[in-house]
Full PDB file with SEQRES, HELIX, SHEET, SSBOND, CRYST1, ORIGX, SCALE, CONECT and MASTER records, all heavy atoms in Angstrom:
SEQRES   1 A   38  PHE HIS GLU ILE TYR GLN GLY TYR VAL GLU LEU PHE ARG          
SEQRES   2 A   38  SER TRP GLY LEU TYR ASP LYS LYS THR ALA GLY LEU PHE          
SEQRES   3 A   38  ALA ALA MET ARG LEU ASN ASN VAL THR ASN GLU ILE              
HELIX    1 AA1 HIS A    2  SER A   14  1                                  13    
HELIX    2 AA2 LYS A   20  GLU A   37  1                                  18    
CRYST1    1.000    1.000    1.000  90.00  90.00  90.00 P 1           1          
ORIGX1      1.000000  0.000000  0.000000        0.00000                         
ORIGX2      0.000000  1.000000  0.000000        0.00000                         
ORIGX3      0.000000  0.000000  1.000000        0.00000                         
SCALE1      1.000000  0.000000  0.000000        0.00000                         
SCALE2      0.000000  1.000000  0.000000        0.00000                         
SCALE3      0.000000  0.000000  1.000000        0.00000                         
ATOM      1  N   PHE A   1       0.829  -1.183   0.012  1.00  0.00           N  
ATOM      2  CA  PHE A   1       0.001   0.014  -0.014  1.00  0.00           C  
ATOM      3  C   PHE A   1       0.880   1.258  -0.002  1.00  0.00           C  
ATOM      4  O   PHE A   1       0.483   2.276  -0.602  1.00  0.00           O  
ATOM      5  CB  PHE A   1      -0.980   0.002   1.181  1.00  0.00           C  
ATOM      6  CG  PHE A   1      -2.040  -1.037   1.091  1.00  0.00           C  
ATOM      7  CD1 PHE A   1      -2.352  -1.859   2.165  1.00  0.00           C  
ATOM      8  CD2 PHE A   1      -2.774  -1.213  -0.090  1.00  0.00           C  
ATOM      9  CE1 PHE A   1      -3.351  -2.808   2.091  1.00  0.00           C  
ATOM     10  CE2 PHE A   1      -3.780  -2.159  -0.180  1.00  0.00           C  
ATOM     11  CZ  PHE A   1      -4.068  -2.961   0.899  1.00  0.00           C  
ATOM     12  N   HIS A   2       2.030   1.185   0.646  1.00  0.00           N  
ATOM     13  CA  HIS A   2       2.961   2.320   0.593  1.00  0.00           C  
ATOM     14  C   HIS A   2       3.422   2.541  -0.863  1.00  0.00           C  
ATOM     15  O   HIS A   2       3.506   3.668  -1.337  1.00  0.00           O  
ATOM     16  CB  HIS A   2       4.190   2.038   1.468  1.00  0.00           C  
ATOM     17  CG  HIS A   2       4.043   2.580   2.881  1.00  0.00           C  
ATOM     18  ND1 HIS A   2       2.880   3.127   3.346  1.00  0.00           N  
ATOM     19  CD2 HIS A   2       4.947   2.624   3.897  1.00  0.00           C  
ATOM     20  CE1 HIS A   2       3.057   3.483   4.632  1.00  0.00           C  
ATOM     21  NE2 HIS A   2       4.300   3.235   4.939  1.00  0.00           N  
ATOM     22  N   GLU A   3       3.755   1.458  -1.542  1.00  0.00           N  
ATOM     23  CA  GLU A   3       4.215   1.574  -2.942  1.00  0.00           C  
ATOM     24  C   GLU A   3       3.201   2.205  -3.831  1.00  0.00           C  
ATOM     25  O   GLU A   3       3.531   3.037  -4.699  1.00  0.00           O  
ATOM     26  CB  GLU A   3       4.619   0.195  -3.477  1.00  0.00           C  
ATOM     27  CG  GLU A   3       5.936  -0.351  -2.951  1.00  0.00           C  
ATOM     28  CD  GLU A   3       6.372  -1.574  -3.751  1.00  0.00           C  
ATOM     29  OE1 GLU A   3       6.401  -1.514  -4.998  1.00  0.00           O  
ATOM     30  OE2 GLU A   3       6.670  -2.594  -3.121  1.00  0.00           O  
ATOM     31  N   ILE A   4       1.945   1.799  -3.666  1.00  0.00           N  
ATOM     32  CA  ILE A   4       0.887   2.370  -4.502  1.00  0.00           C  
ATOM     33  C   ILE A   4       0.742   3.876  -4.180  1.00  0.00           C  
ATOM     34  O   ILE A   4       0.670   4.712  -5.117  1.00  0.00           O  
ATOM     35  CB  ILE A   4      -0.462   1.644  -4.255  1.00  0.00           C  
ATOM     36  CG1 ILE A   4      -0.353   0.189  -4.748  1.00  0.00           C  
ATOM     37  CG2 ILE A   4      -1.595   2.361  -4.959  1.00  0.00           C  
ATOM     38  CD1 ILE A   4      -1.504  -0.699  -4.340  1.00  0.00           C  
ATOM     39  N   TYR A   5       0.711   4.237  -2.914  1.00  0.00           N  
ATOM     40  CA  TYR A   5       0.580   5.629  -2.513  1.00  0.00           C  
ATOM     41  C   TYR A   5       1.776   6.458  -3.040  1.00  0.00           C  
ATOM     42  O   TYR A   5       1.598   7.481  -3.706  1.00  0.00           O  
ATOM     43  CB  TYR A   5       0.467   5.743  -0.997  1.00  0.00           C  
ATOM     44  CG  TYR A   5       0.651   7.149  -0.480  1.00  0.00           C  
ATOM     45  CD1 TYR A   5      -0.360   8.084  -0.603  1.00  0.00           C  
ATOM     46  CD2 TYR A   5       1.862   7.534   0.088  1.00  0.00           C  
ATOM     47  CE1 TYR A   5      -0.180   9.379  -0.137  1.00  0.00           C  
ATOM     48  CE2 TYR A   5       2.049   8.834   0.573  1.00  0.00           C  
ATOM     49  CZ  TYR A   5       1.019   9.754   0.440  1.00  0.00           C  
ATOM     50  OH  TYR A   5       1.192  11.020   0.898  1.00  0.00           O  
ATOM     51  N   GLN A   6       2.964   5.985  -2.735  1.00  0.00           N  
ATOM     52  CA  GLN A   6       4.166   6.767  -3.133  1.00  0.00           C  
ATOM     53  C   GLN A   6       4.296   6.844  -4.658  1.00  0.00           C  
ATOM     54  O   GLN A   6       4.750   7.824  -5.212  1.00  0.00           O  
ATOM     55  CB  GLN A   6       5.391   6.160  -2.503  1.00  0.00           C  
ATOM     56  CG  GLN A   6       5.441   6.349  -0.984  1.00  0.00           C  
ATOM     57  CD  GLN A   6       6.549   5.552  -0.308  1.00  0.00           C  
ATOM     58  OE1 GLN A   6       6.816   4.402  -0.675  1.00  0.00           O  
ATOM     59  NE2 GLN A   6       7.208   6.166   0.648  1.00  0.00           N  
ATOM     60  N   GLY A   7       3.883   5.743  -5.344  1.00  0.00           N  
ATOM     61  CA  GLY A   7       3.940   5.745  -6.808  1.00  0.00           C  
ATOM     62  C   GLY A   7       3.059   6.823  -7.393  1.00  0.00           C  
ATOM     63  O   GLY A   7       3.444   7.510  -8.350  1.00  0.00           O  
ATOM     64  N   TYR A   8       1.869   6.997  -6.838  1.00  0.00           N  
ATOM     65  CA  TYR A   8       0.967   7.992  -7.372  1.00  0.00           C  
ATOM     66  C   TYR A   8       1.465   9.396  -7.042  1.00  0.00           C  
ATOM     67  O   TYR A   8       1.337  10.315  -7.886  1.00  0.00           O  
ATOM     68  CB  TYR A   8      -0.452   7.795  -6.849  1.00  0.00           C  
ATOM     69  CG  TYR A   8      -1.254   6.965  -7.846  1.00  0.00           C  
ATOM     70  CD1 TYR A   8      -1.471   5.597  -7.627  1.00  0.00           C  
ATOM     71  CD2 TYR A   8      -1.763   7.533  -9.009  1.00  0.00           C  
ATOM     72  CE1 TYR A   8      -2.163   4.863  -8.557  1.00  0.00           C  
ATOM     73  CE2 TYR A   8      -2.467   6.791  -9.932  1.00  0.00           C  
ATOM     74  CZ  TYR A   8      -2.663   5.448  -9.690  1.00  0.00           C  
ATOM     75  OH  TYR A   8      -3.326   4.718 -10.632  1.00  0.00           O  
ATOM     76  N   VAL A   9       2.015   9.618  -5.868  1.00  0.00           N  
ATOM     77  CA  VAL A   9       2.571  10.907  -5.517  1.00  0.00           C  
ATOM     78  C   VAL A   9       3.696  11.281  -6.494  1.00  0.00           C  
ATOM     79  O   VAL A   9       3.719  12.380  -7.043  1.00  0.00           O  
ATOM     80  CB  VAL A   9       3.078  10.919  -4.056  1.00  0.00           C  
ATOM     81  CG1 VAL A   9       3.874  12.193  -3.794  1.00  0.00           C  
ATOM     82  CG2 VAL A   9       1.904  10.850  -3.070  1.00  0.00           C  
ATOM     83  N   GLU A  10       4.584  10.314  -6.741  1.00  0.00           N  
ATOM     84  CA  GLU A  10       5.706  10.599  -7.619  1.00  0.00           C  
ATOM     85  C   GLU A  10       5.257  10.824  -9.063  1.00  0.00           C  
ATOM     86  O   GLU A  10       5.763  11.674  -9.799  1.00  0.00           O  
ATOM     87  CB  GLU A  10       6.713   9.421  -7.559  1.00  0.00           C  
ATOM     88  CG  GLU A  10       7.420   9.334  -6.243  1.00  0.00           C  
ATOM     89  CD  GLU A  10       8.205   8.055  -6.074  1.00  0.00           C  
ATOM     90  OE1 GLU A  10       8.296   7.267  -7.068  1.00  0.00           O  
ATOM     91  OE2 GLU A  10       8.726   7.792  -4.951  1.00  0.00           O  
ATOM     92  N   LEU A  11       4.250  10.023  -9.477  1.00  0.00           N  
ATOM     93  CA  LEU A  11       3.728  10.179 -10.844  1.00  0.00           C  
ATOM     94  C   LEU A  11       3.139  11.566 -11.051  1.00  0.00           C  
ATOM     95  O   LEU A  11       3.488  12.253 -12.057  1.00  0.00           O  
ATOM     96  CB  LEU A  11       2.629   9.134 -11.119  1.00  0.00           C  
ATOM     97  CG  LEU A  11       1.905   9.227 -12.451  1.00  0.00           C  
ATOM     98  CD1 LEU A  11       2.848   8.838 -13.589  1.00  0.00           C  
ATOM     99  CD2 LEU A  11       0.679   8.314 -12.497  1.00  0.00           C  
ATOM    100  N   PHE A  12       2.329  12.024 -10.157  1.00  0.00           N  
ATOM    101  CA  PHE A  12       1.688  13.336 -10.356  1.00  0.00           C  
ATOM    102  C   PHE A  12       2.673  14.483 -10.162  1.00  0.00           C  
ATOM    103  O   PHE A  12       2.519  15.531 -10.803  1.00  0.00           O  
ATOM    104  CB  PHE A  12       0.492  13.458  -9.437  1.00  0.00           C  
ATOM    105  CG  PHE A  12      -0.783  12.890 -10.007  1.00  0.00           C  
ATOM    106  CD1 PHE A  12      -0.925  11.519 -10.218  1.00  0.00           C  
ATOM    107  CD2 PHE A  12      -1.801  13.711 -10.443  1.00  0.00           C  
ATOM    108  CE1 PHE A  12      -2.033  10.997 -10.789  1.00  0.00           C  
ATOM    109  CE2 PHE A  12      -2.931  13.198 -11.038  1.00  0.00           C  
ATOM    110  CZ  PHE A  12      -3.062  11.839 -11.230  1.00  0.00           C  
ATOM    111  N   ARG A  13       3.684  14.255  -9.356  1.00  0.00           N  
ATOM    112  CA  ARG A  13       4.741  15.292  -9.274  1.00  0.00           C  
ATOM    113  C   ARG A  13       5.477  15.386 -10.587  1.00  0.00           C  
ATOM    114  O   ARG A  13       5.794  16.480 -11.079  1.00  0.00           O  
ATOM    115  CB  ARG A  13       5.710  14.944  -8.134  1.00  0.00           C  
ATOM    116  CG  ARG A  13       5.179  15.403  -6.757  1.00  0.00           C  
ATOM    117  CD  ARG A  13       6.168  15.030  -5.663  1.00  0.00           C  
ATOM    118  NE  ARG A  13       5.727  15.586  -4.390  1.00  0.00           N  
ATOM    119  CZ  ARG A  13       6.092  15.106  -3.210  1.00  0.00           C  
ATOM    120  NH1 ARG A  13       6.901  14.068  -3.150  1.00  0.00           N  
ATOM    121  NH2 ARG A  13       5.677  15.675  -2.090  1.00  0.00           N  
ATOM    122  N   SER A  14       5.756  14.243 -11.207  1.00  0.00           N  
ATOM    123  CA  SER A  14       6.491  14.245 -12.494  1.00  0.00           C  
ATOM    124  C   SER A  14       5.663  14.894 -13.586  1.00  0.00           C  
ATOM    125  O   SER A  14       6.227  15.449 -14.555  1.00  0.00           O  
ATOM    126  CB  SER A  14       6.871  12.812 -12.897  1.00  0.00           C  
ATOM    127  OG  SER A  14       5.720  12.082 -13.313  1.00  0.00           O  
ATOM    128  N   TRP A  15       4.337  14.868 -13.466  1.00  0.00           N  
ATOM    129  CA  TRP A  15       3.442  15.498 -14.460  1.00  0.00           C  
ATOM    130  C   TRP A  15       3.170  16.957 -14.119  1.00  0.00           C  
ATOM    131  O   TRP A  15       2.466  17.646 -14.886  1.00  0.00           O  
ATOM    132  CB  TRP A  15       2.133  14.741 -14.502  1.00  0.00           C  
ATOM    133  CG  TRP A  15       2.169  13.426 -15.198  1.00  0.00           C  
ATOM    134  CD1 TRP A  15       3.215  12.916 -15.958  1.00  0.00           C  
ATOM    135  CD2 TRP A  15       1.160  12.422 -15.203  1.00  0.00           C  
ATOM    136  NE1 TRP A  15       2.882  11.666 -16.422  1.00  0.00           N  
ATOM    137  CE2 TRP A  15       1.620  11.322 -16.001  1.00  0.00           C  
ATOM    138  CE3 TRP A  15      -0.112  12.318 -14.645  1.00  0.00           C  
ATOM    139  CZ2 TRP A  15       0.878  10.158 -16.215  1.00  0.00           C  
ATOM    140  CZ3 TRP A  15      -0.876  11.163 -14.871  1.00  0.00           C  
ATOM    141  CH2 TRP A  15      -0.373  10.098 -15.637  1.00  0.00           C  
ATOM    142  N   GLY A  16       3.665  17.421 -12.952  1.00  0.00           N  
ATOM    143  CA  GLY A  16       3.354  18.790 -12.540  1.00  0.00           C  
ATOM    144  C   GLY A  16       1.885  18.975 -12.098  1.00  0.00           C  
ATOM    145  O   GLY A  16       1.375  20.076 -12.127  1.00  0.00           O  
ATOM    146  N   LEU A  17       1.278  17.891 -11.653  1.00  0.00           N  
ATOM    147  CA  LEU A  17      -0.142  17.890 -11.293  1.00  0.00           C  
ATOM    148  C   LEU A  17      -0.373  17.617  -9.817  1.00  0.00           C  
ATOM    149  O   LEU A  17      -1.521  17.360  -9.418  1.00  0.00           O  
ATOM    150  CB  LEU A  17      -0.920  16.886 -12.121  1.00  0.00           C  
ATOM    151  CG  LEU A  17      -0.943  17.141 -13.634  1.00  0.00           C  
ATOM    152  CD1 LEU A  17      -1.655  16.004 -14.362  1.00  0.00           C  
ATOM    153  CD2 LEU A  17      -1.646  18.486 -13.940  1.00  0.00           C  
ATOM    154  N   TYR A  18       0.710  17.614  -9.040  1.00  0.00           N  
ATOM    155  CA  TYR A  18       0.533  17.316  -7.613  1.00  0.00           C  
ATOM    156  C   TYR A  18       0.222  18.607  -6.871  1.00  0.00           C  
ATOM    157  O   TYR A  18       1.050  19.524  -6.814  1.00  0.00           O  
ATOM    158  CB  TYR A  18       1.814  16.683  -7.049  1.00  0.00           C  
ATOM    159  CG  TYR A  18       1.688  16.168  -5.646  1.00  0.00           C  
ATOM    160  CD1 TYR A  18       0.904  15.046  -5.369  1.00  0.00           C  
ATOM    161  CD2 TYR A  18       2.353  16.794  -4.574  1.00  0.00           C  
ATOM    162  CE1 TYR A  18       0.782  14.561  -4.097  1.00  0.00           C  
ATOM    163  CE2 TYR A  18       2.224  16.291  -3.281  1.00  0.00           C  
ATOM    164  CZ  TYR A  18       1.430  15.184  -3.065  1.00  0.00           C  
ATOM    165  OH  TYR A  18       1.307  14.690  -1.769  1.00  0.00           O  
ATOM    166  N   ASP A  19      -0.986  18.704  -6.358  1.00  0.00           N  
ATOM    167  CA  ASP A  19      -1.415  19.915  -5.654  1.00  0.00           C  
ATOM    168  C   ASP A  19      -2.161  19.507  -4.388  1.00  0.00           C  
ATOM    169  O   ASP A  19      -2.177  18.337  -4.009  1.00  0.00           O  
ATOM    170  CB  ASP A  19      -2.273  20.791  -6.539  1.00  0.00           C  
ATOM    171  CG  ASP A  19      -3.463  20.043  -7.117  1.00  0.00           C  
ATOM    172  OD1 ASP A  19      -3.849  18.977  -6.591  1.00  0.00           O  
ATOM    173  OD2 ASP A  19      -4.016  20.508  -8.170  1.00  0.00           O  
ATOM    174  N   LYS A  20      -2.766  20.449  -3.750  1.00  0.00           N  
ATOM    175  CA  LYS A  20      -3.471  20.180  -2.459  1.00  0.00           C  
ATOM    176  C   LYS A  20      -4.569  19.188  -2.658  1.00  0.00           C  
ATOM    177  O   LYS A  20      -4.765  18.282  -1.799  1.00  0.00           O  
ATOM    178  CB  LYS A  20      -4.001  21.492  -1.889  1.00  0.00           C  
ATOM    179  CG  LYS A  20      -4.590  21.351  -0.493  1.00  0.00           C  
ATOM    180  CD  LYS A  20      -5.026  22.699   0.046  1.00  0.00           C  
ATOM    181  CE  LYS A  20      -5.591  22.543   1.472  1.00  0.00           C  
ATOM    182  NZ  LYS A  20      -5.991  23.852   2.052  1.00  0.00           N  
ATOM    183  N   LYS A  21      -5.311  19.283  -3.753  1.00  0.00           N  
ATOM    184  CA  LYS A  21      -6.433  18.378  -4.004  1.00  0.00           C  
ATOM    185  C   LYS A  21      -5.917  16.934  -4.162  1.00  0.00           C  
ATOM    186  O   LYS A  21      -6.450  16.017  -3.561  1.00  0.00           O  
ATOM    187  CB  LYS A  21      -7.212  18.798  -5.236  1.00  0.00           C  
ATOM    188  CG  LYS A  21      -8.354  17.874  -5.577  1.00  0.00           C  
ATOM    189  CD  LYS A  21      -9.045  18.284  -6.891  1.00  0.00           C  
ATOM    190  CE  LYS A  21     -10.119  17.276  -7.253  1.00  0.00           C  
ATOM    191  NZ  LYS A  21     -10.767  17.640  -8.544  1.00  0.00           N  
ATOM    192  N   THR A  22      -4.935  16.772  -5.052  1.00  0.00           N  
ATOM    193  CA  THR A  22      -4.445  15.391  -5.296  1.00  0.00           C  
ATOM    194  C   THR A  22      -3.754  14.860  -4.040  1.00  0.00           C  
ATOM    195  O   THR A  22      -3.906  13.677  -3.739  1.00  0.00           O  
ATOM    196  CB  THR A  22      -3.457  15.388  -6.463  1.00  0.00           C  
ATOM    197  OG1 THR A  22      -2.410  16.293  -6.230  1.00  0.00           O  
ATOM    198  CG2 THR A  22      -4.143  15.716  -7.767  1.00  0.00           C  
ATOM    199  N   ALA A  23      -3.049  15.695  -3.303  1.00  0.00           N  
ATOM    200  CA  ALA A  23      -2.405  15.236  -2.077  1.00  0.00           C  
ATOM    201  C   ALA A  23      -3.449  14.714  -1.097  1.00  0.00           C  
ATOM    202  O   ALA A  23      -3.263  13.679  -0.445  1.00  0.00           O  
ATOM    203  CB  ALA A  23      -1.603  16.379  -1.431  1.00  0.00           C  
ATOM    204  N   GLY A  24      -4.567  15.420  -0.993  1.00  0.00           N  
ATOM    205  CA  GLY A  24      -5.645  15.007  -0.105  1.00  0.00           C  
ATOM    206  C   GLY A  24      -6.275  13.695  -0.546  1.00  0.00           C  
ATOM    207  O   GLY A  24      -6.571  12.821   0.308  1.00  0.00           O  
ATOM    208  N   LEU A  25      -6.462  13.554  -1.838  1.00  0.00           N  
ATOM    209  CA  LEU A  25      -7.071  12.298  -2.357  1.00  0.00           C  
ATOM    210  C   LEU A  25      -6.153  11.111  -2.165  1.00  0.00           C  
ATOM    211  O   LEU A  25      -6.583  10.014  -1.785  1.00  0.00           O  
ATOM    212  CB  LEU A  25      -7.422  12.463  -3.827  1.00  0.00           C  
ATOM    213  CG  LEU A  25      -8.649  13.350  -4.114  1.00  0.00           C  
ATOM    214  CD1 LEU A  25      -8.760  13.651  -5.580  1.00  0.00           C  
ATOM    215  CD2 LEU A  25      -9.922  12.666  -3.607  1.00  0.00           C  
ATOM    216  N   PHE A  26      -4.862  11.299  -2.400  1.00  0.00           N  
ATOM    217  CA  PHE A  26      -3.919  10.195  -2.208  1.00  0.00           C  
ATOM    218  C   PHE A  26      -3.784   9.842  -0.735  1.00  0.00           C  
ATOM    219  O   PHE A  26      -3.618   8.679  -0.371  1.00  0.00           O  
ATOM    220  CB  PHE A  26      -2.550  10.540  -2.829  1.00  0.00           C  
ATOM    221  CG  PHE A  26      -2.574  10.711  -4.306  1.00  0.00           C  
ATOM    222  CD1 PHE A  26      -1.667  11.573  -4.933  1.00  0.00           C  
ATOM    223  CD2 PHE A  26      -3.460  10.012  -5.091  1.00  0.00           C  
ATOM    224  CE1 PHE A  26      -1.690  11.739  -6.319  1.00  0.00           C  
ATOM    225  CE2 PHE A  26      -3.493  10.165  -6.467  1.00  0.00           C  
ATOM    226  CZ  PHE A  26      -2.608  11.037  -7.081  1.00  0.00           C  
ATOM    227  N   ALA A  27      -3.820  10.861   0.126  1.00  0.00           N  
ATOM    228  CA  ALA A  27      -3.788  10.591   1.573  1.00  0.00           C  
ATOM    229  C   ALA A  27      -5.000   9.815   2.012  1.00  0.00           C  
ATOM    230  O   ALA A  27      -4.897   8.870   2.791  1.00  0.00           O  
ATOM    231  CB  ALA A  27      -3.679  11.915   2.344  1.00  0.00           C  
ATOM    232  N   ALA A  28      -6.168  10.179   1.472  1.00  0.00           N  
ATOM    233  CA  ALA A  28      -7.388   9.435   1.811  1.00  0.00           C  
ATOM    234  C   ALA A  28      -7.291   7.995   1.336  1.00  0.00           C  
ATOM    235  O   ALA A  28      -7.738   7.064   2.025  1.00  0.00           O  
ATOM    236  CB  ALA A  28      -8.580  10.142   1.154  1.00  0.00           C  
ATOM    237  N   MET A  29      -6.703   7.813   0.173  1.00  0.00           N  
ATOM    238  CA  MET A  29      -6.490   6.441  -0.385  1.00  0.00           C  
ATOM    239  C   MET A  29      -5.629   5.641   0.568  1.00  0.00           C  
ATOM    240  O   MET A  29      -5.931   4.492   0.899  1.00  0.00           O  
ATOM    241  CB  MET A  29      -5.829   6.546  -1.758  1.00  0.00           C  
ATOM    242  CG  MET A  29      -5.383   5.247  -2.336  1.00  0.00           C  
ATOM    243  SD  MET A  29      -4.526   5.513  -3.944  1.00  0.00           S  
ATOM    244  CE  MET A  29      -2.956   6.139  -3.411  1.00  0.00           C  
ATOM    245  N   ARG A  30      -4.561   6.244   1.052  1.00  0.00           N  
ATOM    246  CA  ARG A  30      -3.643   5.526   1.935  1.00  0.00           C  
ATOM    247  C   ARG A  30      -4.325   5.205   3.284  1.00  0.00           C  
ATOM    248  O   ARG A  30      -4.130   4.107   3.807  1.00  0.00           O  
ATOM    249  CB  ARG A  30      -2.358   6.331   2.196  1.00  0.00           C  
ATOM    250  CG  ARG A  30      -1.307   5.563   2.995  1.00  0.00           C  
ATOM    251  CD  ARG A  30      -0.853   4.304   2.291  1.00  0.00           C  
ATOM    252  NE  ARG A  30      -0.061   3.411   3.082  1.00  0.00           N  
ATOM    253  CZ  ARG A  30      -0.554   2.408   3.808  1.00  0.00           C  
ATOM    254  NH1 ARG A  30      -1.871   2.201   3.866  1.00  0.00           N  
ATOM    255  NH2 ARG A  30       0.247   1.613   4.503  1.00  0.00           N  
ATOM    256  N   LEU A  31      -5.080   6.127   3.804  1.00  0.00           N  
ATOM    257  CA  LEU A  31      -5.781   5.872   5.080  1.00  0.00           C  
ATOM    258  C   LEU A  31      -6.850   4.798   4.947  1.00  0.00           C  
ATOM    259  O   LEU A  31      -7.075   4.029   5.849  1.00  0.00           O  
ATOM    260  CB  LEU A  31      -6.369   7.178   5.597  1.00  0.00           C  
ATOM    261  CG  LEU A  31      -5.376   8.266   6.015  1.00  0.00           C  
ATOM    262  CD1 LEU A  31      -6.083   9.494   6.514  1.00  0.00           C  
ATOM    263  CD2 LEU A  31      -4.407   7.755   7.040  1.00  0.00           C  
ATOM    264  N   ASN A  32      -7.519   4.801   3.804  1.00  0.00           N  
ATOM    265  CA  ASN A  32      -8.504   3.739   3.539  1.00  0.00           C  
ATOM    266  C   ASN A  32      -7.854   2.367   3.596  1.00  0.00           C  
ATOM    267  O   ASN A  32      -8.428   1.396   4.109  1.00  0.00           O  
ATOM    268  CB  ASN A  32      -9.160   3.947   2.185  1.00  0.00           C  
ATOM    269  CG  ASN A  32     -10.249   2.920   1.901  1.00  0.00           C  
ATOM    270  OD1 ASN A  32     -11.263   2.884   2.596  1.00  0.00           O  
ATOM    271  ND2 ASN A  32     -10.041   2.117   0.881  1.00  0.00           N  
ATOM    272  N   ASN A  33      -6.615   2.277   3.122  1.00  0.00           N  
ATOM    273  CA  ASN A  33      -5.923   0.991   3.135  1.00  0.00           C  
ATOM    274  C   ASN A  33      -5.398   0.618   4.499  1.00  0.00           C  
ATOM    275  O   ASN A  33      -5.007  -0.541   4.720  1.00  0.00           O  
ATOM    276  CB  ASN A  33      -4.791   0.994   2.093  1.00  0.00           C  
ATOM    277  CG  ASN A  33      -5.318   0.796   0.678  1.00  0.00           C  
ATOM    278  OD1 ASN A  33      -6.292   0.081   0.486  1.00  0.00           O  
ATOM    279  ND2 ASN A  33      -4.677   1.419  -0.284  1.00  0.00           N  
ATOM    280  N   VAL A  34      -5.397   1.568   5.458  1.00  0.00           N  
ATOM    281  CA  VAL A  34      -5.102   1.197   6.843  1.00  0.00           C  
ATOM    282  C   VAL A  34      -6.140   0.193   7.331  1.00  0.00           C  
ATOM    283  O   VAL A  34      -5.805  -0.810   7.987  1.00  0.00           O  
ATOM    284  CB  VAL A  34      -5.106   2.455   7.744  1.00  0.00           C  
ATOM    285  CG1 VAL A  34      -5.163   2.059   9.224  1.00  0.00           C  
ATOM    286  CG2 VAL A  34      -3.849   3.285   7.484  1.00  0.00           C  
ATOM    287  N   THR A  35      -7.393   0.443   6.985  1.00  0.00           N  
ATOM    288  CA  THR A  35      -8.446  -0.524   7.361  1.00  0.00           C  
ATOM    289  C   THR A  35      -8.235  -1.861   6.694  1.00  0.00           C  
ATOM    290  O   THR A  35      -8.385  -2.925   7.336  1.00  0.00           O  
ATOM    291  CB  THR A  35      -9.816   0.048   6.954  1.00  0.00           C  
ATOM    292  OG1 THR A  35     -10.081   1.218   7.724  1.00  0.00           O  
ATOM    293  CG2 THR A  35     -10.943  -0.949   7.193  1.00  0.00           C  
ATOM    294  N   ASN A  36      -7.830  -1.838   5.423  1.00  0.00           N  
ATOM    295  CA  ASN A  36      -7.587  -3.118   4.716  1.00  0.00           C  
ATOM    296  C   ASN A  36      -6.409  -3.870   5.328  1.00  0.00           C  
ATOM    297  O   ASN A  36      -6.433  -5.120   5.418  1.00  0.00           O  
ATOM    298  CB  ASN A  36      -7.329  -2.847   3.235  1.00  0.00           C  
ATOM    299  CG  ASN A  36      -8.530  -2.305   2.519  1.00  0.00           C  
ATOM    300  OD1 ASN A  36      -9.663  -2.660   2.870  1.00  0.00           O  
ATOM    301  ND2 ASN A  36      -8.329  -1.458   1.518  1.00  0.00           N  
ATOM    302  N   GLU A  37      -5.385  -3.142   5.760  1.00  0.00           N  
ATOM    303  CA  GLU A  37      -4.235  -3.783   6.414  1.00  0.00           C  
ATOM    304  C   GLU A  37      -4.677  -4.514   7.668  1.00  0.00           C  
ATOM    305  O   GLU A  37      -4.315  -5.672   7.890  1.00  0.00           O  
ATOM    306  CB  GLU A  37      -3.207  -2.746   6.799  1.00  0.00           C  
ATOM    307  CG  GLU A  37      -2.277  -2.313   5.704  1.00  0.00           C  
ATOM    308  CD  GLU A  37      -1.199  -1.355   6.218  1.00  0.00           C  
ATOM    309  OE1 GLU A  37      -0.472  -1.740   7.150  1.00  0.00           O  
ATOM    310  OE2 GLU A  37      -1.133  -0.222   5.706  1.00  0.00           O  
ATOM    311  N   ILE A  38      -5.394  -3.810   8.524  1.00  0.00           N  
ATOM    312  CA  ILE A  38      -5.809  -4.396   9.819  1.00  0.00           C  
ATOM    313  C   ILE A  38      -6.775  -5.533   9.586  1.00  0.00           C  
ATOM    314  O   ILE A  38      -6.671  -6.587  10.216  1.00  0.00           O  
ATOM    315  CB  ILE A  38      -6.417  -3.308  10.711  1.00  0.00           C  
ATOM    316  CG1 ILE A  38      -5.385  -2.213  10.992  1.00  0.00           C  
ATOM    317  CG2 ILE A  38      -6.856  -3.909  12.038  1.00  0.00           C  
ATOM    318  CD1 ILE A  38      -5.939  -1.013  11.778  1.00  0.00           C  
TER     319      ILE A  38                                                      
MASTER        0    0    0    2    0    0    0    6  318    1    0    3          
END                                                                             
């Protein structure tokens, strides 16, 4: 789940599209997977 999260952050940074909105959505994605982990 870390790899998926970090991969998307790096992808959108490389595209110049990483902003507050995308950061929030990716963070929400990672937190959702906390439940899946447990």
